[in-house]
């Protein structure tokens, strides 16, 4: 499936809508297949449209997701003269708190569950479609759906954390409970189980999918290769959950490669084609009024010569808003059609380093340093020469994650899971660093 077909993403809107897991409604459209028709006996073209809609729909409101976690995690500032909540609510200015009924909470949450709903529709359609004629093609399709479903749930978990998340939302009239309330690792275990189910299905899914994927999954567009993406996502889940041996095991069945291209991976794709979406994290250089600028500490904390500083660009003029300022634009993405990573090899190498550090024995620590040196040398800062005890290597690993994964939604999660949110910079005397987003109002 070539890039232009992602413009069919809005097929998803013909299937489901809603603003939370509790409020997902179907839409019957006289010019397009209904949900009932698809789940009762979907044709191959309907399966294809649904898959393309799922893949495209994963991108909806991703800009608000990245802005939310990126601003709270002090990766960057999002300046907007039309909406001060980016610099008040998200940064906890004065008495400001996160709102449970506004765009930065409800929109990403809604969009993730829309994608999950469509994955559930696909799962239901598989068993009832006469067009899918073998167990292999049915397993392959289910494996794709479960992998995407788990990935979307993981993004919900990032924002909701110990609020818990709904895992079972297949029946909108009988939603499952919130899992992980006060114990976020319970939700991660549930997500890992969905990934494991998907992996088992993919590995018994034959040699081809009965549908095509966009170029965002180039190199991972068969059941066997897509299973590597599944295991990569599981490795992320397992390090979030502190399951170090399981993380390394997952890497062994992923596309992890210490000597490989750091950019190899799966991506959300964007384009300027009619009906498609633009990369929501791109702004032109020196934009004013509406801009995204680097947190000053990203530059001041960097090692000399770090090539990853190319992810920010010196502005012609300092940008100011609400008592905040920056001399650098956020330029992780070169154009409004640049892809955004879902997961890539650079992250997997850092996951490997982290898991080895946490193992803690001398051999594992040496292996961690080797992995960190791959990242450091790719960035032009040379081999690591600091202390090699576990605590010192954790600090180094977190620094490398900060610069390698800058602006990709990881910094806030990393600091939270290492109980280091208190070390993030406070830019104004009464600012706060939030631990979680609130449960959306209509989930209450």
Protein backbone atom coordinates (compact mmCIF):
# COMPACT_ATOMS: atom_id res chain seq x y z
CA UNK A 1 0.00 0.00 0.00
CA UNK A 2 1.61 3.23 -1.10
CA UNK A 3 1.60 6.48 0.81
CA UNK A 4 -1.39 8.05 -0.93
CA UNK A 5 -3.75 5.44 0.50
CA UNK A 6 -3.37 6.77 4.01
CA UNK A 7 -5.71 9.56 2.90
CA UNK A 8 -8.45 6.99 3.36
CA UNK A 9 -7.95 7.40 7.10
CA UNK A 10 -11.25 9.16 7.46
CA UNK A 11 -12.99 5.89 6.71
CA UNK A 12 -12.55 5.45 10.44
CA UNK A 13 -15.00 8.26 11.07
CA UNK A 14 -17.65 6.25 9.24
CA UNK A 15 -17.21 3.43 11.70
CA UNK A 16 -16.95 4.89 15.16
CA UNK A 17 -16.98 8.11 17.07
CA UNK A 18 -17.00 9.10 20.72
CA UNK A 19 -14.99 10.90 23.30
CA UNK A 20 -14.10 8.14 25.74
CA UNK A 21 -14.18 4.43 26.31
CA UNK A 22 -17.63 4.93 27.83
CA UNK A 23 -19.10 6.84 24.92
CA UNK A 24 -18.39 5.12 21.62
CA UNK A 25 -21.25 5.15 19.17
CA UNK A 26 -21.61 3.61 15.72
CA UNK A 27 -22.59 5.61 12.65
CA UNK A 28 -24.60 4.14 9.81
CA UNK A 29 -23.63 5.79 6.52
CA UNK A 30 -25.77 5.20 3.42
CA UNK A 31 -22.76 5.44 1.11
CA UNK A 32 -20.40 3.19 3.03
CA UNK A 33 -20.48 -0.19 4.77
CA UNK A 34 -22.03 -0.22 8.21
CA UNK A 35 -20.30 -1.69 11.23
CA UNK A 36 -22.81 -4.52 11.20
CA UNK A 37 -22.08 -5.37 7.57
CA UNK A 38 -18.36 -5.45 8.19
CA UNK A 39 -18.53 -7.56 11.34
CA UNK A 40 -20.98 -10.03 9.78
CA UNK A 41 -19.18 -10.76 6.51
CA UNK A 42 -16.43 -8.34 5.51
CA UNK A 43 -14.97 -8.51 2.04
CA UNK A 44 -11.21 -8.28 1.51
CA UNK A 45 -11.60 -4.68 0.36
CA UNK A 46 -13.54 -3.84 3.52
CA UNK A 47 -10.84 -5.50 5.62
CA UNK A 48 -8.26 -3.44 3.75
CA UNK A 49 -10.15 -0.20 4.30
CA UNK A 50 -10.53 -0.97 7.97
CA UNK A 51 -6.82 -1.72 8.38
CA UNK A 52 -5.90 1.48 6.54
CA UNK A 53 -8.35 3.40 8.69
CA UNK A 54 -6.84 1.93 11.85
CA UNK A 55 -3.32 2.80 10.76
CA UNK A 56 -4.31 6.32 9.79
CA UNK A 57 -6.52 6.83 12.81
CA UNK A 58 -3.66 6.13 15.19
CA UNK A 59 -2.34 9.56 14.20
CA UNK A 60 -5.41 11.53 15.23
CA UNK A 61 -4.66 14.06 17.99
CA UNK A 62 -1.09 12.79 18.29
CA UNK A 63 0.04 16.41 18.28
CA UNK A 64 -1.93 17.07 21.46
CA UNK A 65 -0.57 13.87 22.99
CA UNK A 66 3.05 14.83 22.30
CA UNK A 67 2.48 18.41 23.43
CA UNK A 68 0.95 17.20 26.69
CA UNK A 69 3.70 14.78 27.67
CA UNK A 70 6.46 16.91 26.10
CA UNK A 71 5.56 20.12 27.90
CA UNK A 72 5.05 18.42 31.27
CA UNK A 73 8.32 16.54 30.74
CA UNK A 74 10.11 19.84 29.98
CA UNK A 75 11.23 18.74 26.54
CA UNK A 76 9.82 21.89 24.97
CA UNK A 77 7.32 24.71 25.35
CA UNK A 78 4.20 24.98 23.25
CA UNK A 79 3.47 28.68 22.84
CA UNK A 80 0.01 29.73 21.67
CA UNK A 81 -1.34 33.26 21.84
CA UNK A 82 -4.83 31.85 21.30
CA UNK A 83 -4.70 29.29 24.11
CA UNK A 84 -2.75 29.99 27.31
CA UNK A 85 -3.44 26.53 28.73
CA UNK A 86 -0.29 25.16 27.11
CA UNK A 87 1.81 27.34 29.42
CA UNK A 88 -0.53 27.53 32.40
CA UNK A 89 -2.29 24.20 32.93
CA UNK A 90 0.39 21.89 31.53
CA UNK A 91 3.13 23.61 33.52
CA UNK A 92 1.04 24.09 36.65
CA UNK A 93 1.37 27.86 36.69
CA UNK A 94 0.26 29.29 40.03
CA UNK A 95 -3.07 27.73 40.95
CA UNK A 96 -3.62 26.16 37.52
CA UNK A 97 -4.27 22.43 37.41
CA UNK A 98 -4.92 19.94 34.64
CA UNK A 99 -8.52 20.04 33.46
CA UNK A 100 -10.40 16.75 33.05
CA UNK A 101 -12.71 18.18 30.40
CA UNK A 102 -10.50 20.03 27.94
CA UNK A 103 -8.67 19.23 24.72
CA UNK A 104 -5.31 18.10 26.12
CA UNK A 105 -7.03 15.45 28.26
CA UNK A 106 -10.05 14.36 26.25
CA UNK A 107 -8.83 14.49 22.65
CA UNK A 108 -5.83 12.12 22.86
CA UNK A 109 -7.84 9.77 25.09
CA UNK A 110 -10.75 9.74 22.67
CA UNK A 111 -8.58 9.12 19.63
CA UNK A 112 -6.72 6.23 21.19
CA UNK A 113 -9.98 4.50 22.06
CA UNK A 114 -11.34 5.16 18.58
CA UNK A 115 -8.39 3.21 17.18
CA UNK A 116 -8.95 0.50 19.79
CA UNK A 117 -12.63 0.32 18.85
CA UNK A 118 -11.70 -0.19 15.21
CA UNK A 119 -9.19 -2.88 16.17
CA UNK A 120 -12.00 -4.62 18.05
CA UNK A 121 -14.26 -4.32 15.00
CA UNK A 122 -11.51 -5.94 12.94
CA UNK A 123 -11.15 -8.75 15.47
CA UNK A 124 -14.89 -9.38 15.33
CA UNK A 125 -14.92 -9.25 11.54
CA UNK A 126 -12.15 -11.82 11.19
CA UNK A 127 -14.15 -14.71 12.59
CA UNK A 128 -17.21 -13.89 10.46
CA UNK A 129 -15.60 -13.11 7.11
CA UNK A 130 -15.90 -15.71 4.38
CA UNK A 131 -13.18 -13.82 2.49
CA UNK A 132 -10.57 -14.91 5.04
CA UNK A 133 -10.40 -18.55 4.09
CA UNK A 134 -7.62 -20.03 6.23
CA UNK A 135 -6.62 -20.03 9.88
CA UNK A 136 -3.32 -18.47 8.88
CA UNK A 137 -4.84 -15.34 7.37
CA UNK A 138 -7.26 -15.04 10.27
CA UNK A 139 -4.40 -15.31 12.75
CA UNK A 140 -2.32 -12.79 10.84
CA UNK A 141 -5.16 -10.26 10.88
CA UNK A 142 -5.89 -10.82 14.56
CA UNK A 143 -2.21 -10.45 15.39
CA UNK A 144 -2.10 -7.09 13.64
CA UNK A 145 -5.25 -5.91 15.43
CA UNK A 146 -4.05 -6.99 18.88
CA UNK A 147 -0.63 -5.39 18.42
CA UNK A 148 -2.18 -2.05 17.46
CA UNK A 149 -4.71 -2.33 20.27
CA UNK A 150 -1.95 -2.87 22.84
CA UNK A 151 0.10 0.03 21.47
CA UNK A 152 -2.86 2.38 21.76
CA UNK A 153 -3.58 1.21 25.30
CA UNK A 154 0.05 1.86 26.20
CA UNK A 155 -0.28 5.50 25.11
CA UNK A 156 -3.42 5.81 27.26
CA UNK A 157 -1.45 4.33 30.16
CA UNK A 158 1.35 6.89 29.72
CA UNK A 159 -1.07 9.71 30.42
CA UNK A 160 -3.36 8.00 32.93
CA UNK A 161 -0.74 6.03 34.88
CA UNK A 162 -2.12 5.06 38.31
CA UNK A 163 -5.62 6.25 37.46
CA UNK A 164 -5.91 2.89 35.74
CA UNK A 165 -7.16 2.26 32.22
CA UNK A 166 -10.00 0.30 30.71
CA UNK A 167 -8.60 -2.75 28.95
CA UNK A 168 -11.81 -4.51 27.95
CA UNK A 169 -13.88 -2.14 25.81
CA UNK A 170 -15.05 -4.58 23.13
CA UNK A 171 -18.68 -4.27 24.24
CA UNK A 172 -19.59 -0.57 24.60
CA UNK A 173 -22.67 -1.53 26.61
CA UNK A 174 -20.69 -3.61 29.07
CA UNK A 175 -17.30 -1.99 29.56
CA UNK A 176 -14.69 -3.67 31.69
CA UNK A 177 -13.31 -2.12 34.87
CA UNK A 178 -10.35 0.21 35.19
CA UNK A 179 -7.22 -1.92 35.57
CA UNK A 180 -4.23 -0.63 37.52
CA UNK A 181 -5.94 1.89 39.80
CA UNK A 182 -3.22 2.79 42.29
CA UNK A 183 -1.07 0.01 40.82
CA UNK A 184 -0.03 0.97 37.27
CA UNK A 185 2.01 -2.17 36.72
CA UNK A 186 -1.22 -4.19 36.69
CA UNK A 187 -2.30 -2.33 33.56
CA UNK A 188 1.11 -2.91 31.97
CA UNK A 189 0.78 -6.64 32.63
CA UNK A 190 -2.61 -6.61 30.90
CA UNK A 191 -1.12 -4.80 27.89
CA UNK A 192 1.72 -7.31 27.77
CA UNK A 193 -0.83 -10.14 27.65
CA UNK A 194 -2.51 -8.57 24.60
CA UNK A 195 0.88 -8.24 22.91
CA UNK A 196 1.65 -11.87 23.71
CA UNK A 197 -1.67 -12.95 22.22
CA UNK A 198 -0.93 -10.91 19.11
CA UNK A 199 2.56 -12.36 18.83
CA UNK A 200 1.25 -15.92 19.01
CA UNK A 201 -1.23 -15.10 16.26
CA UNK A 202 1.37 -13.43 14.07
CA UNK A 203 3.82 -16.31 14.36
CA UNK A 204 1.11 -18.69 13.15
CA UNK A 205 -0.11 -16.24 10.52
CA UNK A 206 1.64 -17.57 7.46
CA UNK A 207 3.84 -15.63 5.07
CA UNK A 208 1.56 -12.74 4.08
CA UNK A 209 -1.13 -10.47 5.43
CA UNK A 210 -4.42 -10.49 3.52
CA UNK A 211 -4.06 -6.69 3.34
CA UNK A 212 -1.37 -4.12 2.67
CA UNK A 213 0.21 -1.68 5.11
CA UNK A 214 1.48 1.80 4.38
CA UNK A 215 5.12 2.73 3.99
CA UNK A 216 5.28 3.45 7.72
CA UNK A 217 5.68 -0.30 8.18
CA UNK A 218 8.13 -0.83 5.32
CA UNK A 219 10.18 -3.90 6.14
CA UNK A 220 7.61 -5.00 8.71
CA UNK A 221 4.69 -5.75 6.42
CA UNK A 222 4.45 -9.53 6.77
CA UNK A 223 3.21 -11.45 9.83
CA UNK A 224 6.76 -12.56 10.68
CA UNK A 225 8.30 -9.10 10.42
CA UNK A 226 5.35 -7.33 12.04
CA UNK A 227 5.85 -9.76 14.94
CA UNK A 228 9.24 -8.05 15.45
CA UNK A 229 7.43 -4.74 15.99
CA UNK A 230 5.16 -6.51 18.47
CA UNK A 231 8.19 -7.73 20.45
CA UNK A 232 9.80 -4.28 20.30
CA UNK A 233 6.68 -2.78 21.87
CA UNK A 234 6.69 -5.56 24.48
CA UNK A 235 10.30 -4.68 25.36
CA UNK A 236 9.17 -1.10 26.03
CA UNK A 237 6.30 -2.36 28.21
CA UNK A 238 8.63 -4.64 30.16
CA UNK A 239 11.19 -1.94 30.97
CA UNK A 240 8.34 0.32 32.07
CA UNK A 241 7.28 -2.53 34.34
CA UNK A 242 10.79 -3.30 35.61
CA UNK A 243 10.85 -6.80 34.09
CA UNK A 244 14.44 -6.69 32.88
CA UNK A 245 14.91 -10.31 31.81
CA UNK A 246 11.59 -10.23 29.95
CA UNK A 247 12.66 -7.05 28.19
CA UNK A 248 15.88 -8.65 26.95
CA UNK A 249 13.97 -11.75 25.84
CA UNK A 250 11.53 -9.58 23.88
CA UNK A 251 14.42 -7.76 22.22
CA UNK A 252 15.77 -11.09 21.03
CA UNK A 253 12.68 -11.57 18.87
CA UNK A 254 12.44 -7.95 17.75
CA UNK A 255 14.44 -5.98 15.17
CA UNK A 256 16.97 -4.92 17.84
CA UNK A 257 20.44 -4.66 16.32
CA UNK A 258 23.42 -3.17 18.16
CA UNK A 259 25.19 -2.68 14.84
CA UNK A 260 22.14 -1.69 12.84
CA UNK A 261 20.67 1.55 11.55
CA UNK A 262 19.29 3.52 14.48
CA UNK A 263 16.33 4.70 12.42
CA UNK A 264 15.07 1.23 11.48
CA UNK A 265 11.56 0.84 12.83
CA UNK A 266 7.84 1.48 12.46
CA UNK A 267 6.48 4.96 11.87
CA UNK A 268 3.36 7.08 11.63
CA UNK A 269 3.44 8.63 8.17
CA UNK A 270 2.13 12.02 7.02
CA UNK A 271 1.84 13.84 3.74
CA UNK A 272 0.47 16.91 2.02
CA UNK A 273 -1.82 14.74 -0.13
CA UNK A 274 -5.46 15.63 -0.29
CA UNK A 275 -7.39 14.32 2.72
CA UNK A 276 -4.24 13.24 4.55
CA UNK A 277 -2.76 14.61 7.76
CA UNK A 278 0.32 16.77 8.19
CA UNK A 279 2.93 16.06 10.84
CA UNK A 280 1.41 17.91 13.83
CA UNK A 281 4.78 18.49 15.51
CA UNK A 282 6.23 20.58 12.69
CA UNK A 283 6.29 24.36 12.68
CA UNK A 284 8.26 26.59 10.30
CA UNK A 285 11.43 28.15 11.65
CA UNK A 286 11.03 31.36 13.63
CA UNK A 287 7.26 30.96 13.93
CA UNK A 288 5.58 33.37 16.33
CA UNK A 289 2.19 33.30 17.98
CA UNK A 290 1.88 29.57 17.44
CA UNK A 291 5.23 27.88 18.02
CA UNK A 292 7.02 24.97 19.61
CA UNK A 293 10.39 25.85 21.13
CA UNK A 294 12.99 23.79 22.93
CA UNK A 295 13.30 23.94 26.69
CA UNK A 296 16.54 25.89 27.24
CA UNK A 297 17.99 23.08 29.37
CA UNK A 298 18.07 20.75 26.36
CA UNK A 299 20.86 22.90 24.95
CA UNK A 300 22.66 23.81 28.16
CA UNK A 301 22.74 20.22 29.47
CA UNK A 302 24.14 18.70 26.26
CA UNK A 303 27.67 17.39 25.84
CA UNK A 304 29.85 19.48 23.52
CA UNK A 305 29.60 18.34 19.93
CA UNK A 306 26.44 16.25 20.39
CA UNK A 307 24.93 15.96 16.93
CA UNK A 308 21.49 15.46 18.45
CA UNK A 309 21.44 19.20 19.08
CA UNK A 310 20.38 19.34 15.43
CA UNK A 311 16.92 18.54 16.80
CA UNK A 312 16.72 22.21 17.79
CA UNK A 313 17.60 25.27 15.71
CA UNK A 314 18.72 28.71 16.88
CA UNK A 315 16.01 31.27 16.27
CA UNK A 316 16.58 34.67 14.74
CA UNK A 317 14.83 36.17 17.76
CA UNK A 318 14.06 34.85 21.23
CA UNK A 319 10.47 33.64 21.58
CA UNK A 320 8.63 34.78 24.72
CA UNK A 321 5.32 33.89 26.31
CA UNK A 322 3.86 33.85 29.81
CA UNK A 323 7.16 34.44 31.59
CA UNK A 324 8.93 31.73 29.56
CA UNK A 325 11.47 32.07 26.77
CA UNK A 326 13.63 30.08 24.40
CA UNK A 327 16.21 30.86 21.75
CA UNK A 328 15.72 27.53 19.96
CA UNK A 329 12.98 26.11 17.77
CA UNK A 330 11.92 22.48 18.19
CA UNK A 331 12.99 20.99 14.84
CA UNK A 332 12.97 17.24 15.35
CA UNK A 333 10.98 16.94 12.13
CA UNK A 334 12.33 18.58 8.99
CA UNK A 335 9.04 19.01 7.13
CA UNK A 336 5.30 18.78 7.62
CA UNK A 337 5.45 15.39 5.89
CA UNK A 338 8.16 13.85 8.09
CA UNK A 339 7.27 10.53 9.78
CA UNK A 340 6.98 10.18 13.56
CA UNK A 341 8.43 7.00 15.12
CA UNK A 342 6.24 4.40 16.74
CA UNK A 343 9.36 2.54 17.85
CA UNK A 344 12.84 2.26 16.33
CA UNK A 345 16.19 0.59 16.84
CA UNK A 346 17.76 3.51 18.72
CA UNK A 347 15.17 3.07 21.47
CA UNK A 348 15.72 -0.70 21.48
CA UNK A 349 19.46 -0.28 22.03
CA UNK A 350 18.71 2.00 24.97
CA UNK A 351 16.19 -0.52 26.34
CA UNK A 352 18.91 -3.16 26.12
CA UNK A 353 21.34 -0.90 27.97
CA UNK A 354 18.80 -0.18 30.68
CA UNK A 355 17.92 -3.82 31.21
CA UNK A 356 21.59 -4.74 31.48
CA UNK A 357 22.27 -1.92 33.95
CA UNK A 358 19.42 -3.14 36.09
CA UNK A 359 20.81 -6.68 36.06
CA UNK A 360 23.74 -5.13 37.90
CA UNK A 361 26.48 -7.78 37.61
CA UNK A 362 29.86 -6.87 36.13
CA UNK A 363 29.26 -8.60 32.80
CA UNK A 364 25.86 -6.99 32.35
CA UNK A 365 27.25 -3.54 33.20
CA UNK A 366 29.99 -3.99 30.60
CA UNK A 367 27.34 -4.94 28.03
CA UNK A 368 25.37 -1.84 28.97
CA UNK A 369 28.40 0.40 28.42
CA UNK A 370 28.93 -1.19 25.02
CA UNK A 371 25.34 -0.38 24.06
CA UNK A 372 25.58 3.17 25.42
CA UNK A 373 28.76 3.68 23.42
CA UNK A 374 26.89 2.76 20.24
CA UNK A 375 24.48 5.61 20.96
CA UNK A 376 27.18 8.03 22.08
CA UNK A 377 29.40 7.43 19.07
CA UNK A 378 26.48 7.82 16.69
CA UNK A 379 25.93 11.23 18.32
CA UNK A 380 29.59 12.15 18.00
CA UNK A 381 30.41 12.38 21.72
CA UNK A 382 32.73 9.36 21.95
CA UNK A 383 32.90 6.50 24.39
CA UNK A 384 31.59 6.82 27.92
CA UNK A 385 34.32 7.61 30.44
CA UNK A 386 32.35 8.14 33.64
CA UNK A 387 31.71 5.94 36.64
CA UNK A 388 30.51 2.43 36.01
CA UNK A 389 28.48 1.56 39.08
CA UNK A 390 24.78 0.95 38.62
CA UNK A 391 23.63 4.37 39.81
CA UNK A 392 26.06 6.24 37.59
CA UNK A 393 25.11 4.19 34.56
CA UNK A 394 21.42 4.79 35.19
CA UNK A 395 22.13 8.52 35.06
CA UNK A 396 24.05 8.09 31.81
CA UNK A 397 21.34 5.91 30.29
CA UNK A 398 18.64 8.47 31.14
CA UNK A 399 20.72 11.22 29.60
CA UNK A 400 21.17 9.26 26.38
CA UNK A 401 17.44 8.51 26.28
CA UNK A 402 16.75 12.21 26.75
CA UNK A 403 18.80 13.21 23.71
CA UNK A 404 18.15 10.23 21.45
CA UNK A 405 14.39 10.15 22.02
CA UNK A 406 13.91 13.91 22.37
CA UNK A 407 10.37 15.06 21.69
CA UNK A 408 9.07 11.52 21.13
CA UNK A 409 7.12 11.30 24.38
CA UNK A 410 9.58 9.47 26.64
CA UNK A 411 11.21 12.01 28.97
CA UNK A 412 8.23 12.45 31.31
CA UNK A 413 7.70 8.68 31.55
CA UNK A 414 11.39 8.04 32.23
CA UNK A 415 11.61 10.60 35.01
CA UNK A 416 8.39 9.35 36.56
CA UNK A 417 9.41 5.70 36.61
CA UNK A 418 12.74 6.58 38.26
CA UNK A 419 11.04 8.89 40.78
CA UNK A 420 12.91 11.86 39.35
CA UNK A 421 10.06 14.18 38.42
CA UNK A 422 11.25 16.49 41.17
CA UNK A 423 14.50 17.03 39.28
CA UNK A 424 12.78 18.46 36.20
CA UNK A 425 13.29 22.21 35.91
CA UNK A 426 10.72 24.54 37.47
CA UNK A 427 10.58 27.54 35.17
CA UNK A 428 8.48 29.83 37.36
CA UNK A 429 8.36 29.82 41.17
CA UNK A 430 4.88 28.29 41.52
CA UNK A 431 4.98 25.83 38.61
CA UNK A 432 4.25 22.12 39.10
CA UNK A 433 5.32 18.87 37.47
CA UNK A 434 2.31 16.61 37.08
CA UNK A 435 2.40 12.86 37.67
CA UNK A 436 -0.63 11.99 35.52
CA UNK A 437 -3.46 13.46 33.50
CA UNK A 438 -6.91 13.40 35.09
CA UNK A 439 -9.49 10.80 34.13
CA UNK A 440 -11.61 12.44 31.39
CA UNK A 441 -14.83 13.91 32.78
CA UNK A 442 -17.14 11.68 30.78
CA UNK A 443 -15.36 8.57 32.09
CA UNK A 444 -16.51 9.52 35.57
